[in-house]
Protein backbone atom coordinates (compact mmCIF):
# COMPACT_ATOMS: atom_id res chain seq x y z
CA MET A 1 21.07 49.37 -16.83
CA MET A 2 17.46 48.24 -15.21
CA SER A 3 17.54 45.41 -13.25
CA GLU A 4 14.99 42.02 -14.31
CA THR A 5 11.81 42.19 -12.29
CA ILE A 6 9.50 40.12 -11.12
CA SER A 7 5.46 39.96 -10.65
CA GLY A 8 4.21 38.04 -7.42
CA GLY A 9 2.62 35.37 -9.27
CA HIS A 10 6.13 34.51 -11.11
CA LEU A 11 7.40 34.34 -7.92
CA VAL A 12 4.58 31.71 -6.90
CA ALA A 13 5.08 29.82 -10.05
CA LYS A 14 9.17 29.51 -9.31
CA ALA A 15 8.31 28.54 -6.01
CA LEU A 16 6.41 25.63 -6.86
CA LYS A 17 8.66 24.30 -9.49
CA ALA A 18 11.36 24.22 -6.89
CA GLU A 19 9.16 22.38 -4.86
CA GLY A 20 8.87 19.63 -7.75
CA VAL A 21 4.96 20.83 -8.66
CA ASP A 22 4.29 20.10 -12.14
CA VAL A 23 0.69 20.65 -12.16
CA ILE A 24 -2.03 23.23 -9.93
CA TYR A 25 -5.92 22.52 -10.29
CA THR A 26 -7.88 25.55 -9.99
CA LEU A 27 -10.66 27.52 -10.91
CA CYS A 28 -9.81 31.26 -12.31
CA GLY A 29 -10.81 34.88 -10.57
CA GLY A 30 -9.25 38.12 -11.03
CA HIS A 31 -7.38 37.84 -7.66
CA ILE A 32 -4.97 34.92 -9.02
CA ILE A 33 -4.83 35.23 -12.71
CA ASP A 34 -1.28 36.14 -12.23
CA ILE A 35 0.20 33.22 -10.79
CA TYR A 36 -1.19 31.00 -14.04
CA ASP A 37 0.93 33.54 -16.03
CA GLY A 38 4.00 32.65 -14.11
CA CYS A 39 2.65 28.82 -14.29
CA VAL A 40 3.01 28.91 -17.93
CA ASP A 41 6.53 30.80 -17.86
CA GLU A 42 7.67 27.73 -15.80
CA GLY A 43 6.14 25.03 -17.80
CA ILE A 44 3.55 23.98 -14.92
CA GLU A 45 -0.11 22.57 -16.23
CA VAL A 46 -2.92 24.37 -15.43
CA ILE A 47 -5.96 21.97 -14.86
CA ASP A 48 -9.17 23.94 -14.54
CA VAL A 49 -12.08 22.57 -12.72
CA ARG A 50 -15.82 23.32 -12.29
CA HIS A 51 -15.75 23.50 -8.55
CA GLU A 52 -13.38 24.60 -6.31
CA GLN A 53 -13.80 21.71 -4.10
CA VAL A 54 -12.24 19.52 -6.61
CA ALA A 55 -9.63 21.47 -6.90
CA ALA A 56 -8.72 20.81 -3.59
CA HIS A 57 -9.85 17.39 -3.53
CA ALA A 58 -7.48 16.83 -7.15
CA ALA A 59 -4.52 18.55 -5.22
CA ASP A 60 -4.92 16.01 -2.16
CA GLY A 61 -5.31 13.13 -4.77
CA TYR A 62 -2.34 14.14 -6.72
CA ALA A 63 -0.24 14.02 -3.23
CA ARG A 64 -1.28 10.76 -2.14
CA ILE A 65 -0.58 9.10 -5.84
CA THR A 66 2.91 11.07 -6.22
CA GLY A 67 4.11 11.85 -2.69
CA LYS A 68 4.72 15.18 -4.00
CA PRO A 69 2.72 17.93 -2.28
CA GLY A 70 -0.24 18.72 -4.70
CA CYS A 71 -1.50 22.32 -5.20
CA ALA A 72 -4.44 23.86 -5.76
CA VAL A 73 -5.16 27.70 -6.60
CA VAL A 74 -8.49 29.63 -6.25
CA THR A 75 -9.65 33.20 -5.94
CA ALA A 76 -11.08 34.87 -2.66
CA GLY A 77 -14.32 34.70 -1.06
CA PRO A 78 -16.21 32.12 -2.18
CA GLY A 79 -13.38 30.04 -4.13
CA THR A 80 -11.77 29.52 -0.91
CA THR A 81 -14.67 28.77 1.08
CA ASP A 82 -15.70 26.47 -1.35
CA ALA A 83 -12.51 24.68 -1.28
CA VAL A 84 -12.79 24.00 2.45
CA THR A 85 -13.78 20.76 2.39
CA GLY A 86 -11.16 19.64 0.19
CA VAL A 87 -8.61 20.86 2.77
CA ALA A 88 -10.46 19.41 5.80
CA ASN A 89 -10.35 16.26 4.06
CA ALA A 90 -6.72 16.12 3.36
CA PHE A 91 -6.50 17.17 7.32
CA ARG A 92 -8.00 14.08 8.55
CA ALA A 93 -6.16 11.91 5.76
CA GLU A 94 -2.68 13.81 6.58
CA SER A 95 -2.13 14.55 3.31
CA PRO A 96 0.38 16.92 2.06
CA MET A 97 -1.31 19.74 -0.34
CA LEU A 98 -1.04 23.79 -0.42
CA LEU A 99 -4.17 26.16 -1.23
CA ILE A 100 -3.49 28.83 -2.47
CA GLY A 101 -6.38 31.48 -2.22
CA GLY A 102 -6.83 35.20 -3.32
CA GLN A 103 -7.58 38.22 -1.24
CA GLY A 104 -8.44 41.84 -1.52
CA ALA A 105 -5.34 44.23 -1.63
CA LEU A 106 -3.58 45.30 1.14
CA SER A 107 -4.46 48.54 -0.02
CA GLN A 108 -8.04 47.82 0.41
CA HIS A 109 -7.36 46.36 3.90
CA LYS A 110 -11.00 46.19 5.84
CA MET A 111 -12.53 48.36 3.72
CA GLY A 112 -15.01 45.73 2.30
CA SER A 113 -12.99 44.32 -0.96
CA LEU A 114 -14.61 42.42 -3.30
CA GLN A 115 -14.51 38.80 -2.07
CA ASP A 116 -12.57 39.92 1.01
CA LEU A 117 -13.12 36.91 3.86
CA PRO A 118 -11.14 36.27 6.78
CA HIS A 119 -9.47 33.00 5.26
CA VAL A 120 -6.59 32.65 7.44
CA ASP A 121 -8.97 32.57 10.42
CA MET A 122 -10.98 30.12 8.71
CA MET A 123 -8.54 27.48 7.57
CA THR A 124 -6.16 28.04 10.57
CA PRO A 125 -7.38 25.00 12.30
CA ILE A 126 -7.79 22.66 9.70
CA THR A 127 -3.89 23.01 8.47
CA LYS A 128 -0.77 22.87 9.61
CA PHE A 129 -0.02 26.20 8.81
CA ALA A 130 -1.73 29.21 7.61
CA ALA A 131 -0.91 32.67 6.76
CA THR A 132 -1.13 35.86 4.39
CA VAL A 133 1.90 37.29 2.42
CA PRO A 134 2.39 40.32 3.61
CA SER A 135 4.63 41.68 0.78
CA THR A 136 6.03 40.59 -2.91
CA GLU A 137 9.45 40.50 -1.92
CA ARG A 138 8.00 37.81 0.62
CA VAL A 139 6.11 35.39 -1.80
CA ALA A 140 8.02 32.45 -2.62
CA ASP A 141 9.90 32.46 0.79
CA LEU A 142 6.12 31.87 2.63
CA VAL A 143 5.32 29.35 -0.23
CA SER A 144 8.40 27.47 0.91
CA MET A 145 6.98 27.88 4.31
CA ALA A 146 4.12 26.41 3.81
CA PHE A 147 5.43 23.52 1.74
CA ARG A 148 7.37 23.21 5.14
CA GLU A 149 4.98 23.11 7.27
CA CYS A 150 3.23 20.07 5.29
CA TYR A 151 5.76 17.79 5.96
CA HIS A 152 6.12 18.73 9.89
CA GLY A 153 5.09 15.01 11.70
CA ALA A 154 2.42 13.60 9.97
CA PRO A 155 2.26 15.50 6.80
CA GLY A 156 -1.23 17.61 6.01
CA PRO A 157 -2.28 20.72 4.35
CA SER A 158 -1.09 24.24 4.19
CA PHE A 159 -3.04 27.51 3.33
CA LEU A 160 -1.66 30.90 2.11
CA GLU A 161 -3.61 33.76 0.83
CA ILE A 162 -2.11 36.41 -1.22
CA PRO A 163 -3.14 40.04 -1.74
CA ARG A 164 -4.18 40.80 -5.02
CA ASP A 165 -1.29 43.48 -4.97
CA VAL A 166 1.06 41.84 -3.41
CA LEU A 167 0.65 39.14 -6.60
CA ASP A 168 0.42 41.84 -9.67
CA ALA A 169 3.22 44.11 -7.89
CA LYS A 170 7.05 43.96 -9.70
CA ILE A 171 10.18 43.61 -7.85
CA PRO A 172 13.48 43.69 -8.76
CA LEU A 173 14.67 40.06 -8.53
CA GLU A 174 17.17 40.37 -6.53
CA LYS A 175 15.22 41.45 -3.75
CA ALA A 176 12.90 38.52 -3.58
CA ARG A 177 14.41 35.23 -1.74
CA ILE A 178 13.50 32.23 -3.90
CA PRO A 179 14.38 29.30 -1.76
CA LYS A 180 15.55 26.10 -3.28
CA ASN A 181 16.61 23.71 -0.81
CA TYR A 182 15.12 24.22 2.06
CA ARG A 183 14.21 20.87 3.93
CA ALA A 184 15.16 18.31 5.42
CA SER A 185 14.77 14.74 5.83
CA THR A 186 11.42 13.54 7.33
CA LYS A 187 12.36 10.05 7.82
CA GLN A 188 13.16 9.25 11.59
CA ALA A 189 14.06 5.87 12.84
CA GLY A 190 13.04 5.32 15.78
CA ASP A 191 14.08 5.45 19.50
CA PRO A 192 16.67 2.28 18.89
CA GLU A 193 15.82 1.44 22.25
CA ALA A 194 11.88 1.30 21.50
CA ILE A 195 13.29 -0.84 18.32
CA GLU A 196 14.89 -3.80 20.32
CA ARG A 197 11.84 -3.90 23.11
CA LEU A 198 9.17 -4.31 20.25
CA ALA A 199 12.14 -7.42 18.65
CA ASP A 200 11.72 -8.70 22.17
CA MET A 201 7.93 -8.75 21.38
CA LEU A 202 7.63 -10.64 18.60
CA ALA A 203 10.60 -13.06 19.55
CA HIS A 204 7.90 -14.01 22.05
CA ALA A 205 4.82 -13.73 20.51
CA GLU A 206 2.68 -17.32 19.53
CA LYS A 207 -0.34 -14.79 17.72
CA PRO A 208 1.26 -11.57 16.12
CA CYS A 209 -0.53 -9.41 13.87
CA ILE A 210 -0.20 -6.09 12.17
CA LEU A 211 -1.98 -3.60 10.53
CA LEU A 212 -0.78 -1.84 8.14
CA GLY A 213 -2.29 1.78 7.76
CA SER A 214 -2.07 4.60 5.37
CA GLN A 215 1.42 5.74 6.39
CA VAL A 216 2.47 2.61 4.97
CA TRP A 217 1.98 4.22 1.94
CA THR A 218 2.84 8.09 2.47
CA CYS A 219 6.18 6.68 3.49
CA ARG A 220 6.94 4.57 0.56
CA ALA A 221 7.53 1.31 3.09
CA THR A 222 6.10 -1.10 1.47
CA ASP A 223 9.01 -3.34 0.84
CA ALA A 224 9.76 -2.95 4.19
CA ALA A 225 6.39 -3.86 5.33
CA ILE A 226 7.00 -7.14 2.80
CA ASP A 227 10.24 -7.74 4.91
CA PHE A 228 8.93 -7.63 8.14
CA VAL A 229 5.72 -10.00 7.87
CA ARG A 230 7.77 -12.28 5.26
CA ALA A 231 10.77 -12.91 7.86
CA LEU A 232 8.70 -13.23 10.78
CA ASN A 233 5.60 -14.84 9.62
CA VAL A 234 3.10 -11.88 10.89
CA PRO A 235 -0.54 -12.54 9.23
CA ALA A 236 -0.92 -8.69 7.94
CA TYR A 237 -4.17 -6.49 8.04
CA MET A 238 -4.10 -3.12 5.68
CA ASN A 239 -6.36 -0.25 5.80
CA GLY A 240 -6.52 2.90 3.80
CA SER A 241 -3.76 3.99 1.38
CA ALA A 242 -1.68 0.52 2.71
CA ARG A 243 -4.63 -1.74 0.60
CA GLY A 244 -2.21 -3.17 -2.31
CA THR A 245 1.23 -3.71 0.06
CA LEU A 246 1.10 -7.25 -0.08
CA PRO A 247 -1.29 -8.55 -3.59
CA PRO A 248 -4.26 -10.62 -3.08
CA GLY A 249 -3.74 -14.48 -2.60
CA ASP A 250 -0.22 -13.74 -0.97
CA PRO A 251 0.05 -16.09 2.31
CA HIS A 252 0.53 -13.04 4.64
CA HIS A 253 -2.49 -11.06 3.13
CA PHE A 254 -5.17 -11.55 4.77
CA GLN A 255 -8.74 -8.95 5.25
CA LEU A 256 -11.56 -10.96 6.42
CA SER A 257 -10.53 -12.38 9.89
CA ARG A 258 -9.53 -9.14 10.97
CA ARG A 259 -11.99 -9.02 13.98
CA TYR A 260 -11.25 -12.61 15.17
CA ALA A 261 -7.54 -11.33 15.02
CA PHE A 262 -8.04 -8.59 17.33
CA THR A 263 -9.52 -10.87 19.64
CA GLU A 264 -7.80 -13.79 19.60
CA ALA A 265 -3.64 -11.82 19.34
CA ASP A 266 -1.78 -11.71 21.98
CA LEU A 267 0.58 -9.12 19.93
CA ILE A 268 -1.03 -6.26 17.71
CA ILE A 269 1.22 -3.80 15.96
CA ILE A 270 -0.97 -0.86 14.52
CA VAL A 271 0.78 0.97 11.89
CA GLY A 272 0.15 4.50 10.98
CA THR A 273 -4.02 4.57 11.64
CA PRO A 274 -5.27 6.79 14.61
CA PHE A 275 -7.55 4.91 17.47
CA ASP A 276 -10.34 6.65 15.93
CA PHE A 277 -14.04 5.54 14.97
CA ARG A 278 -12.54 3.28 12.21
CA MET A 279 -10.75 1.20 15.40
CA GLY A 280 -13.75 1.22 17.31
CA TYR A 281 -11.60 3.83 19.65
CA GLY A 282 -8.86 0.77 20.07
CA LYS A 283 -11.72 -1.24 21.94
CA ARG A 284 -12.03 -3.56 19.03
CA LEU A 285 -8.47 -4.78 20.16
CA SER A 286 -7.96 -7.76 22.51
CA PRO A 287 -7.85 -6.17 26.48
CA THR A 288 -5.30 -9.13 27.16
CA ALA A 289 -3.46 -8.56 23.94
CA THR A 290 0.13 -6.94 24.09
CA VAL A 291 -0.68 -3.69 21.81
CA VAL A 292 2.15 -1.80 20.25
CA GLN A 293 1.89 1.77 18.23
CA ILE A 294 3.86 2.82 15.31
CA ASP A 295 2.80 6.83 13.89
CA LEU A 296 4.38 9.37 12.65
CA ASP A 297 2.69 12.00 14.63
CA TYR A 298 3.18 11.36 18.75
CA ARG A 299 -0.05 13.02 19.60
CA THR A 300 -1.51 9.78 17.84
CA VAL A 301 0.23 7.38 20.31
CA GLY A 302 -1.73 6.00 22.84
CA LYS A 303 -4.67 8.28 22.02
CA ASN A 304 -8.20 7.11 23.02
CA ARG A 305 -6.63 3.68 24.27
CA ASP A 306 -3.74 2.65 26.35
CA ILE A 307 -0.89 0.90 24.50
CA ASP A 308 1.94 -1.23 25.70
CA LEU A 309 4.70 0.16 23.50
CA GLY A 310 4.68 3.66 21.06
CA ILE A 311 7.30 4.51 18.58
CA VAL A 312 7.21 7.64 16.61
CA GLY A 313 8.98 7.70 13.14
CA ASP A 314 8.71 6.78 9.34
CA ALA A 315 7.02 3.34 9.44
CA GLY A 316 9.42 1.61 6.36
CA LEU A 317 12.43 2.51 8.65
CA ILE A 318 10.91 1.30 12.24
CA LEU A 319 9.76 -1.89 10.48
CA ALA A 320 13.14 -2.87 8.35
CA ALA A 321 14.82 -1.63 12.33
CA ALA A 322 12.41 -4.29 13.61
CA ALA A 323 13.02 -6.68 11.54
CA GLN A 324 16.00 -6.92 11.36
CA ALA A 325 16.75 -6.91 15.43
CA ALA A 326 13.88 -9.64 15.84
CA SER A 327 15.52 -11.72 12.94
CA GLY A 328 18.70 -11.95 14.63
CA ARG A 329 17.34 -13.90 17.51
CA ILE A 330 18.40 -17.48 17.68
CA ASP A 331 14.63 -18.21 17.91
CA ASN A 332 11.99 -15.46 16.63
CA ALA A 333 8.95 -17.89 16.81
CA ALA A 334 8.55 -17.24 12.97
CA ALA A 335 8.46 -20.95 12.51
CA ARG A 336 6.09 -21.56 15.79
CA ARG A 337 3.38 -19.66 13.88
CA LYS A 338 2.55 -22.46 11.08
CA GLU A 339 -0.96 -23.24 13.04
CA TRP A 340 -1.81 -19.82 13.83
CA ILE A 341 -1.47 -18.40 10.49
CA GLU A 342 -3.78 -21.89 9.31
CA GLU A 343 -6.28 -20.83 12.17
CA LEU A 344 -6.73 -17.34 10.42
CA ARG A 345 -6.74 -18.52 6.90
CA ALA A 346 -9.33 -20.72 8.24
CA VAL A 347 -11.63 -18.15 9.47
CA GLU A 348 -10.93 -16.07 6.58
CA THR A 349 -12.04 -18.66 3.99
CA GLN A 350 -15.11 -19.32 5.91
CA ALA A 351 -16.50 -15.72 5.69
CA TYR A 352 -15.71 -15.40 1.51
CA ASP A 353 -17.13 -18.69 1.53
CA LYS A 354 -20.30 -17.34 3.35
CA ARG A 355 -20.19 -14.49 0.84
CA LEU A 356 -19.67 -16.22 -2.06
CA PRO A 357 -23.27 -16.77 -2.98
CA ARG A 358 -24.17 -13.42 -2.84
CA GLN A 359 -21.17 -12.09 -5.12
CA LEU A 360 -22.33 -14.64 -7.64
CA SER A 361 -26.03 -14.03 -7.49
CA ASP A 362 -28.26 -12.74 -10.96
CA ALA A 363 -30.73 -11.71 -8.85
CA GLN A 364 -32.49 -8.14 -10.42
CA PRO A 365 -32.23 -5.64 -9.01
CA ILE A 366 -28.18 -6.48 -8.77
CA ASP A 367 -27.34 -7.33 -5.50
CA PRO A 368 -24.40 -4.61 -4.89
CA TYR A 369 -21.82 -7.83 -4.03
CA ARG A 370 -21.99 -8.48 -7.30
CA LEU A 371 -20.87 -5.31 -8.50
CA VAL A 372 -18.05 -5.31 -6.03
CA HIS A 373 -17.49 -8.91 -7.61
CA GLU A 374 -17.23 -8.00 -11.08
CA ILE A 375 -15.16 -4.74 -10.24
CA ASN A 376 -12.70 -7.15 -8.14
CA GLU A 377 -12.44 -9.23 -11.03
CA PHE A 378 -12.02 -6.72 -13.86
CA LEU A 379 -8.97 -4.99 -12.22
CA THR A 380 -5.07 -5.50 -13.22
CA GLU A 381 -2.23 -4.61 -11.42
CA ASP A 382 -2.17 -1.29 -13.08
CA SER A 383 -5.75 -0.53 -12.22
CA THR A 384 -6.18 2.86 -9.69
CA TYR A 385 -9.27 1.82 -7.21
CA ILE A 386 -11.21 4.97 -5.78
CA GLY A 387 -14.33 4.40 -3.92
CA ASP A 388 -16.73 7.27 -3.78
CA GLY A 389 -19.81 6.72 -2.14
CA GLY A 390 -21.59 5.11 0.89
CA ASP A 391 -23.13 2.45 1.34
CA ILE A 392 -21.92 1.07 -2.16
CA VAL A 393 -18.56 1.71 -1.16
CA THR A 394 -18.64 -0.31 2.02
CA PHE A 395 -19.45 -3.27 -0.22
CA SER A 396 -16.37 -2.82 -1.85
CA GLY A 397 -14.34 -2.56 1.28
CA GLN A 398 -14.70 -6.07 2.01
CA VAL A 399 -14.55 -7.46 -2.11
CA VAL A 400 -12.24 -5.07 -3.88
CA GLN A 401 -8.20 -5.66 -3.52
CA PRO A 402 -6.01 -3.88 -4.96
CA LYS A 403 -3.39 -5.83 -6.78
CA SER A 404 -0.32 -3.48 -6.28
CA PRO A 405 0.83 -0.78 -3.68
CA GLY A 406 -0.32 3.13 -4.11
CA HIS A 407 -3.56 1.51 -6.14
CA TRP A 408 -6.29 2.04 -3.76
CA MET A 409 -8.19 5.37 -2.53
CA ASP A 410 -11.03 6.58 -0.95
CA PRO A 411 -11.50 9.74 0.98
CA GLY A 412 -10.05 8.45 4.52
CA PRO A 413 -11.36 9.56 7.66
CA LEU A 414 -13.51 12.34 7.35
CA GLY A 415 -16.22 10.30 5.18
CA THR A 416 -16.05 12.88 2.50
CA LEU A 417 -18.20 12.01 -0.80
CA GLY A 418 -17.79 14.03 -3.95
CA VAL A 419 -13.75 13.18 -4.31
CA GLY A 420 -14.00 10.47 -7.04
CA MET A 421 -14.06 12.64 -9.98
CA ALA A 422 -10.96 15.02 -8.47
CA PHE A 423 -9.12 11.86 -7.12
CA ALA A 424 -9.58 10.12 -10.60
CA MET A 425 -8.55 13.10 -12.60
CA ALA A 426 -5.65 13.47 -10.06
CA ALA A 427 -4.93 9.92 -10.37
CA LYS A 428 -5.11 9.91 -14.65
CA GLN A 429 -3.07 13.05 -14.65
CA ALA A 430 0.12 11.69 -12.57
CA ARG A 431 -0.18 8.24 -13.79
CA ARG A 432 -1.30 8.31 -17.80
CA ASP A 433 0.08 4.68 -18.24
CA LYS A 434 -2.19 3.14 -15.59
CA GLU A 435 -5.87 2.51 -15.56
CA VAL A 436 -8.06 4.01 -13.20
CA LEU A 437 -11.72 3.19 -11.99
CA CYS A 438 -13.81 4.79 -9.80
CA LEU A 439 -16.81 3.51 -7.88
CA PHE A 440 -19.45 6.24 -7.08
CA GLY A 441 -22.79 5.97 -4.95
CA ASP A 442 -25.14 8.01 -7.27
CA GLY A 443 -25.43 10.40 -3.83
CA ALA A 444 -21.56 10.96 -4.30
CA PHE A 445 -21.49 11.26 -7.70
CA SER A 446 -24.00 14.26 -8.01
CA LEU A 447 -21.94 16.36 -5.64
CA THR A 448 -18.91 17.24 -7.92
CA GLY A 449 -20.07 15.05 -11.37
CA TRP A 450 -19.93 17.99 -13.36
CA ASP A 451 -16.08 17.61 -13.72
CA PHE A 452 -16.69 14.87 -16.04
CA GLU A 453 -16.16 17.72 -18.54
CA THR A 454 -13.11 18.19 -17.25
CA MET A 455 -11.96 14.80 -17.56
CA VAL A 456 -13.32 14.99 -21.27
CA ARG A 457 -11.58 18.60 -21.67
CA PHE A 458 -8.48 16.91 -20.76
CA ASP A 459 -8.27 14.05 -22.26
CA LEU A 460 -8.36 11.72 -19.13
CA PRO A 461 -9.91 8.69 -19.66
CA PHE A 462 -11.41 6.68 -16.64
CA ILE A 463 -13.74 4.36 -16.22
CA GLY A 464 -16.40 5.34 -13.73
CA VAL A 465 -19.02 2.78 -12.10
CA ILE A 466 -22.34 4.10 -10.58
CA GLY A 467 -23.96 1.95 -8.29
CA ASN A 468 -27.28 3.63 -8.29
CA ASN A 469 -29.93 2.99 -5.58
CA SER A 470 -31.53 6.65 -6.29
CA SER A 471 -31.01 6.91 -2.79
CA MET A 472 -28.86 8.14 0.03
CA ASN A 473 -29.01 4.47 1.43
CA GLN A 474 -26.52 4.72 3.99
CA ILE A 475 -28.77 7.09 5.85
CA ARG A 476 -31.71 5.75 4.43
CA TYR A 477 -30.61 2.59 6.93
CA GLY A 478 -30.27 4.47 10.18
CA GLN A 479 -33.77 6.32 9.73
CA ALA A 480 -35.16 3.11 9.23
CA ALA A 481 -33.71 1.49 12.48
CA LYS A 482 -34.51 5.17 14.32
CA TYR A 483 -37.44 6.13 13.27
CA GLY A 484 -39.21 3.03 11.29
CA GLU A 485 -39.79 2.38 7.62
CA GLU A 486 -42.56 4.79 7.59
CA ARG A 487 -40.18 7.49 8.33
CA ALA A 488 -37.16 5.67 6.41
CA ARG A 489 -37.36 8.32 2.77
CA VAL A 490 -37.49 11.38 4.38
CA GLY A 491 -34.45 13.55 2.57
CA ASN A 492 -32.56 10.54 1.00
CA THR A 493 -34.45 9.80 -1.98
CA LEU A 494 -33.33 11.12 -5.17
CA GLY A 495 -34.50 10.76 -8.38
CA ASP A 496 -34.25 7.76 -11.48
CA ILE A 497 -31.22 9.09 -13.28
CA ARG A 498 -29.73 7.72 -16.53
CA TYR A 499 -25.90 8.98 -15.51
CA GLY A 500 -24.93 6.72 -18.70
CA ASP A 501 -26.69 9.52 -20.95
CA PHE A 502 -25.42 12.18 -18.99
CA ALA A 503 -21.78 10.61 -19.89
CA LYS A 504 -22.95 11.31 -23.09
CA LEU A 505 -24.02 14.65 -23.05
CA LEU A 506 -20.79 15.61 -22.21
CA GLY A 507 -18.52 13.92 -24.78
CA GLY A 508 -17.76 10.70 -22.70
CA HIS A 509 -18.63 6.98 -22.84
CA GLY A 510 -22.00 5.99 -21.06
CA GLU A 511 -24.38 2.87 -20.56
CA GLU A 512 -27.00 1.65 -18.59
CA VAL A 513 -26.82 -1.56 -16.97
CA ARG A 514 -29.85 -3.91 -15.53
CA ASP A 515 -28.90 -7.29 -16.04
CA PRO A 516 -25.84 -8.56 -13.61
CA ALA A 517 -24.58 -10.38 -16.66
CA GLU A 518 -23.71 -7.16 -18.73
CA ILE A 519 -21.38 -5.55 -15.78
CA ARG A 520 -18.19 -6.96 -17.22
CA PRO A 521 -19.16 -6.84 -20.74
CA ALA A 522 -19.61 -3.01 -19.92
CA LEU A 523 -16.59 -2.61 -18.21
CA GLU A 524 -14.62 -3.98 -20.89
CA ARG A 525 -16.74 -1.83 -23.78
CA ALA A 526 -15.74 1.37 -21.17
CA ARG A 527 -11.72 0.28 -21.14
CA GLU A 528 -11.64 -0.34 -25.30
CA SER A 529 -14.06 3.32 -25.29
CA GLY A 530 -10.53 4.98 -24.28
CA LYS A 531 -13.10 7.83 -23.28
CA PRO A 532 -13.79 9.47 -19.42
CA SER A 533 -16.98 6.51 -19.08
CA LEU A 534 -19.51 6.18 -16.76
CA ILE A 535 -21.62 2.50 -16.15
CA ASN A 536 -24.52 3.54 -14.46
CA VAL A 537 -25.67 0.01 -12.56
CA TRP A 538 -29.13 -0.26 -10.76
CA VAL A 539 -28.65 -1.97 -7.73
CA ASP A 540 -30.92 -3.35 -4.99
CA PRO A 541 -31.91 -0.30 -3.14
CA ASP A 542 -33.04 -2.61 0.07
CA VAL A 543 -30.06 -4.01 0.32
CA TYR A 544 -27.05 -3.01 2.74
CA ALA A 545 -23.63 -3.39 3.54
CA PRO A 546 -23.02 -5.06 6.66
CA GLY A 547 -20.44 -1.95 7.49
CA THR A 548 -23.67 0.26 7.09
CA MET A 549 -26.15 -1.64 9.64
CA ASN A 550 -23.08 -1.53 11.93
CA GLN A 551 -22.16 1.79 12.40
CA THR A 552 -22.51 2.98 15.97
CA MET A 553 -24.49 6.52 15.12
CA TYR A 554 -27.40 4.37 14.57
CA LYS A 555 -27.34 2.75 18.19
């Protein structure tokens, strides 16, 4: 009796299925097609895109939305190099995904085979794990190893290259190792002694605040974070994927008073956010405040700025333990913080009132503040918001507030343009019952906009809004500031493109908007269309976001 055989591509699919992966994002190539054949047998959906960068970004986005690792499969050489940007973005954003790249046959190693490149050498600096699969017997084993490394410390991407003859070869099934139970719990509860120290700090703090960063969502620590700020009466600021942890209007939800709080607070707790450029490398925190940093990665704690206490571990477990320890004290200072909360709320209200006339402006060309205000008013509790752009998305960061956790997506600290279409694809594919709205800059959209057709082809309706100023405006501002207006438009000015017509050309819904009063009706029509849509909103090119004007690279 002949033993059952299995190919390398089918072993890949079995390993992906064991990990819970139910979709791969890909662009076809002769090196990788046996993986598709395996995915068909395993019931894994194959979504083929028009550029490998989109495949990698979509795998990243899928991981962020679902909490499961994403997977992109690309061919060798230019297929893999096209995906480098998506992997690098996931690396800086701490997103767990696996990129599988093709490679020439082992039998042709170093002979100059088609699309042969040193992929592992290229990917090693931007992944947590990168390796070549040396034999068909090891295919599933290496896939499981790559996924396990994705969750070592703070999450991140892994890369595997699989030579063509390794993928295509068939071996007896009993010779293949197919791991099914191979990952330990990644939830570290933090040092109990350090948590007691944090509880003491909280009990003595008069003016504490907490910044909830992306790891709050990564750890699915929403409930623990909410319980913490409410039990101890601590004002909370949110960035990255943690936006939406507290809904707008919550008494502990703050946004516009962050700089004031970081200057005046006596205790600042930073959760899952590095002291990188977004935090002024730690210099934006009061030098006299007690600073606590909680992070999944030991290497992030205390980097660029001294701290008073660092705790490594899962944000949810640490916040829950600290809340319990502090709440058990006779006086945890929660009641005494009423005046501090009111002080911050006054600063918050003043900032909002100052900006409100711009948000309601009837000016033409349209003030970007009016556009992002209309988007914020339009979003529902089930709307996932995605920002993909420079200046226009900087405006939205001040105004747009997701109403539920896990409903905000941005590239993260790499600042990658072109993520929007891929993130929308992943968000809608993973949660088909939820609305997806993506705000693009016209420059960002043009990088990966052809995958609008992929959204049409796979029936993934979403609402796309382009803030069109026919410029790479964030860079234009810096050039004007450095070199004067006469050189402000070198290398950053785009054509006046009617992107609404582009959407129609590809089978979607499209509109052009020049009157601010037409923004909301156009959004409603896009929602009702049930199609992928683009609303091209012509915004004032001579208005810049405060965040653009304050960027340190221009000073």
